[in-house]
């Protein structure tokens, strides 16, 4: 018997994602998350599935979801959707993850880059290159560089090389690791 969303609301994101995948099916879960991620479905105003599958106890603990926008919390459903995809992936969500790399909220961009790296979503490499080279948030740059290490091609190397000269040492280290990984994976120098 699979627990329902109320039973797993206090669980960790991976546990919730795996339970949701068992209950709903991986493809259905990924489709639902993709719709939330691109804004085609408002998590606060729908009956498709229990929001606690992806939001956990924050869904009930943060007060009325209609008030989130005024409190700067309205991006969290998109973050939760991307985070759920990090733990339960289906390629049906590829386009949504690519679009999420351009989201206005940096946490969404960061989480989408993590998904790209984990599942080697090669079609997202151009967006990751853009983030690696020009995102204002170092954490987004770092995760985008990790993703490029996993999926970047030779044409993405200039973005990684640019990041080697960034003022933030975490970005520089991520760029150096991305270059090493790209060179090993592509079996050729990229500099």
Protein backbone atom coordinates (compact mmCIF):
# COMPACT_ATOMS: atom_id res chain seq x y z
CA UNK A 1 0.00 0.00 0.00
CA UNK A 2 1.36 3.39 -1.01
CA UNK A 3 1.09 6.23 1.51
CA UNK A 4 -0.89 9.28 0.51
CA UNK A 5 0.48 12.82 0.47
CA UNK A 6 -0.70 13.52 4.01
CA UNK A 7 1.33 10.56 5.28
CA UNK A 8 4.56 11.74 3.65
CA UNK A 9 4.18 15.51 4.10
CA UNK A 10 6.85 15.58 6.82
CA UNK A 11 9.24 13.35 4.87
CA UNK A 12 12.33 14.54 3.02
CA UNK A 13 11.99 15.67 -0.60
CA UNK A 14 13.45 12.42 -2.01
CA UNK A 15 11.09 10.28 0.08
CA UNK A 16 8.10 12.39 -0.99
CA UNK A 17 9.13 12.26 -4.64
CA UNK A 18 9.56 8.50 -4.62
CA UNK A 19 6.26 7.98 -2.80
CA UNK A 20 4.50 10.29 -5.26
CA UNK A 21 6.04 8.43 -8.19
CA UNK A 22 4.76 5.13 -6.81
CA UNK A 23 1.30 6.56 -6.18
CA UNK A 24 0.85 8.66 -9.31
CA UNK A 25 3.29 7.11 -11.74
CA UNK A 26 6.62 8.67 -12.71
CA UNK A 27 5.34 10.13 -15.97
CA UNK A 28 2.24 11.68 -14.37
CA UNK A 29 4.32 13.15 -11.55
CA UNK A 30 6.84 14.60 -14.00
CA UNK A 31 4.06 16.02 -16.19
CA UNK A 32 2.42 17.64 -13.18
CA UNK A 33 5.73 19.13 -12.03
CA UNK A 34 6.49 20.37 -15.54
CA UNK A 35 3.16 22.19 -15.72
CA UNK A 36 3.81 23.85 -12.37
CA UNK A 37 7.38 24.71 -13.35
CA UNK A 38 6.36 26.58 -16.50
CA UNK A 39 3.39 28.27 -14.85
CA UNK A 40 0.77 26.40 -16.87
CA UNK A 41 -0.73 25.11 -13.65
CA UNK A 42 -1.07 27.05 -10.42
CA UNK A 43 -0.38 24.74 -7.52
CA UNK A 44 -2.63 26.86 -5.30
CA UNK A 45 -5.69 26.54 -7.52
CA UNK A 46 -6.05 23.03 -8.87
CA UNK A 47 -7.46 19.64 -8.04
CA UNK A 48 -5.07 17.45 -9.99
CA UNK A 49 -3.05 16.11 -7.03
CA UNK A 50 -2.39 16.88 -3.40
CA UNK A 51 0.21 19.67 -3.25
CA UNK A 52 1.87 18.02 -0.26
CA UNK A 53 3.43 15.46 -2.61
CA UNK A 54 5.87 18.12 -3.73
CA UNK A 55 5.61 20.85 -1.08
CA UNK A 56 5.60 18.74 2.06
CA UNK A 57 4.62 20.36 5.32
CA UNK A 58 5.42 23.83 3.98
CA UNK A 59 2.13 23.61 2.08
CA UNK A 60 0.15 23.80 5.29
CA UNK A 61 2.76 25.47 7.49
CA UNK A 62 3.28 28.64 5.47
CA UNK A 63 -0.27 29.91 5.78
CA UNK A 64 -2.71 30.59 2.99
CA UNK A 65 -0.96 30.05 -0.37
CA UNK A 66 -2.90 33.00 -1.79
CA UNK A 67 -0.86 35.23 0.54
CA UNK A 68 2.51 33.93 -0.64
CA UNK A 69 2.90 36.42 -3.47
CA UNK A 70 2.75 39.38 -1.10
CA UNK A 71 5.36 37.70 1.09
CA UNK A 72 7.77 36.86 -1.74
CA UNK A 73 7.03 33.14 -1.61
CA UNK A 74 5.20 32.67 -4.90
CA UNK A 75 8.22 31.07 -6.63
CA UNK A 76 8.35 28.15 -4.19
CA UNK A 77 5.88 25.88 -6.02
CA UNK A 78 8.20 26.08 -9.06
CA UNK A 79 11.21 25.31 -6.86
CA UNK A 80 9.38 22.34 -5.33
CA UNK A 81 8.36 21.07 -8.75
CA UNK A 82 11.95 21.21 -10.00
CA UNK A 83 13.22 19.62 -6.79
CA UNK A 84 10.72 16.79 -7.20
CA UNK A 85 12.03 16.25 -10.73
CA UNK A 86 15.51 16.02 -9.24
CA UNK A 87 14.36 12.90 -7.39
CA UNK A 88 11.88 11.45 -9.88
CA UNK A 89 12.67 12.12 -13.53
CA UNK A 90 10.92 11.49 -16.79
CA UNK A 91 11.97 13.14 -20.08
CA UNK A 92 8.44 14.52 -20.49
CA UNK A 93 9.69 17.37 -18.26
CA UNK A 94 12.70 18.26 -20.43
CA UNK A 95 11.25 21.40 -22.00
CA UNK A 96 10.00 22.67 -18.64
CA UNK A 97 13.45 22.25 -17.10
CA UNK A 98 15.02 24.09 -20.03
CA UNK A 99 12.54 26.93 -19.57
CA UNK A 100 13.12 26.88 -15.81
CA UNK A 101 16.75 27.83 -16.43
CA UNK A 102 15.44 31.26 -17.44
CA UNK A 103 13.00 31.63 -14.53
CA UNK A 104 12.99 34.98 -12.73
CA UNK A 105 13.62 33.23 -9.41
CA UNK A 106 17.22 32.15 -8.93
CA UNK A 107 16.26 29.14 -6.81
CA UNK A 108 14.27 27.76 -9.73
CA UNK A 109 17.21 28.27 -12.10
CA UNK A 110 19.57 26.61 -9.61
CA UNK A 111 17.32 23.58 -9.13
CA UNK A 112 16.77 23.15 -12.87
CA UNK A 113 20.53 23.15 -13.42
CA UNK A 114 20.83 20.41 -10.79
CA UNK A 115 18.25 18.36 -12.70
CA UNK A 116 20.19 18.88 -15.94
CA UNK A 117 23.40 17.65 -14.33
CA UNK A 118 21.85 14.62 -12.62
CA UNK A 119 19.91 13.36 -15.64
CA UNK A 120 22.29 14.64 -18.32
CA UNK A 121 19.67 16.67 -20.15
CA UNK A 122 21.87 17.56 -23.12
CA UNK A 123 19.35 19.80 -24.85
CA UNK A 124 19.60 22.21 -21.88
CA UNK A 125 23.31 22.87 -22.43
CA UNK A 126 22.80 26.20 -24.28
CA UNK A 127 20.70 27.58 -21.41
CA UNK A 128 23.22 26.29 -18.87
CA UNK A 129 26.00 28.01 -20.81
CA UNK A 130 24.06 31.27 -20.69
CA UNK A 131 23.59 30.90 -16.92
CA UNK A 132 27.21 29.87 -16.34
CA UNK A 133 28.46 32.94 -18.13
CA UNK A 134 26.01 35.60 -17.08
CA UNK A 135 23.76 34.73 -14.16
CA UNK A 136 23.95 37.26 -11.33
CA UNK A 137 23.72 34.56 -8.64
CA UNK A 138 26.90 32.53 -8.02
CA UNK A 139 24.93 29.47 -6.89
CA UNK A 140 23.16 29.37 -10.26
CA UNK A 141 26.49 29.71 -12.06
CA UNK A 142 28.00 26.87 -10.00
CA UNK A 143 25.15 24.46 -10.74
CA UNK A 144 25.08 25.48 -14.40
CA UNK A 145 28.80 24.76 -14.63
CA UNK A 146 28.25 21.35 -13.02
CA UNK A 147 25.60 20.70 -15.65
CA UNK A 148 27.98 21.74 -18.44
CA UNK A 149 30.54 19.34 -17.06
CA UNK A 150 27.95 16.62 -17.57
CA UNK A 151 26.40 17.66 -20.88
CA UNK A 152 28.39 20.53 -22.39
CA UNK A 153 29.88 20.23 -25.84
CA UNK A 154 32.87 22.03 -27.31
CA UNK A 155 30.71 25.01 -28.31
CA UNK A 156 29.87 25.57 -24.63
CA UNK A 157 33.52 25.72 -23.55
CA UNK A 158 33.79 29.53 -23.94
CA UNK A 159 31.14 29.99 -21.25
CA UNK A 160 33.06 27.71 -18.91
CA UNK A 161 36.35 29.44 -19.71
CA UNK A 162 34.78 32.82 -18.95
CA UNK A 163 33.68 31.52 -15.55
CA UNK A 164 37.26 30.55 -14.70
CA UNK A 165 37.93 34.28 -14.28
CA UNK A 166 34.92 35.04 -12.09
CA UNK A 167 35.49 36.92 -8.83
CA UNK A 168 33.71 34.27 -6.73
CA UNK A 169 36.06 31.38 -5.86
CA UNK A 170 33.19 28.86 -5.79
CA UNK A 171 32.39 29.74 -9.40
CA UNK A 172 36.06 29.45 -10.36
CA UNK A 173 36.35 25.99 -8.74
CA UNK A 174 33.14 24.84 -10.44
CA UNK A 175 34.44 26.09 -13.80
CA UNK A 176 37.75 24.27 -13.34
CA UNK A 177 35.94 21.03 -12.46
CA UNK A 178 33.57 21.48 -15.41
CA UNK A 179 36.53 21.90 -17.78
CA UNK A 180 38.17 18.76 -16.42
CA UNK A 181 34.97 16.77 -16.74
CA UNK A 182 34.23 18.08 -20.24
CA UNK A 183 37.75 17.25 -21.42
CA UNK A 184 37.54 13.72 -19.99
CA UNK A 185 34.06 13.15 -21.39
CA UNK A 186 34.81 14.63 -24.82
CA UNK A 187 38.30 13.06 -24.86
CA UNK A 188 39.91 16.26 -26.07
CA UNK A 189 41.13 19.59 -24.74
CA UNK A 190 38.53 22.34 -24.67
CA UNK A 191 40.87 25.26 -24.04
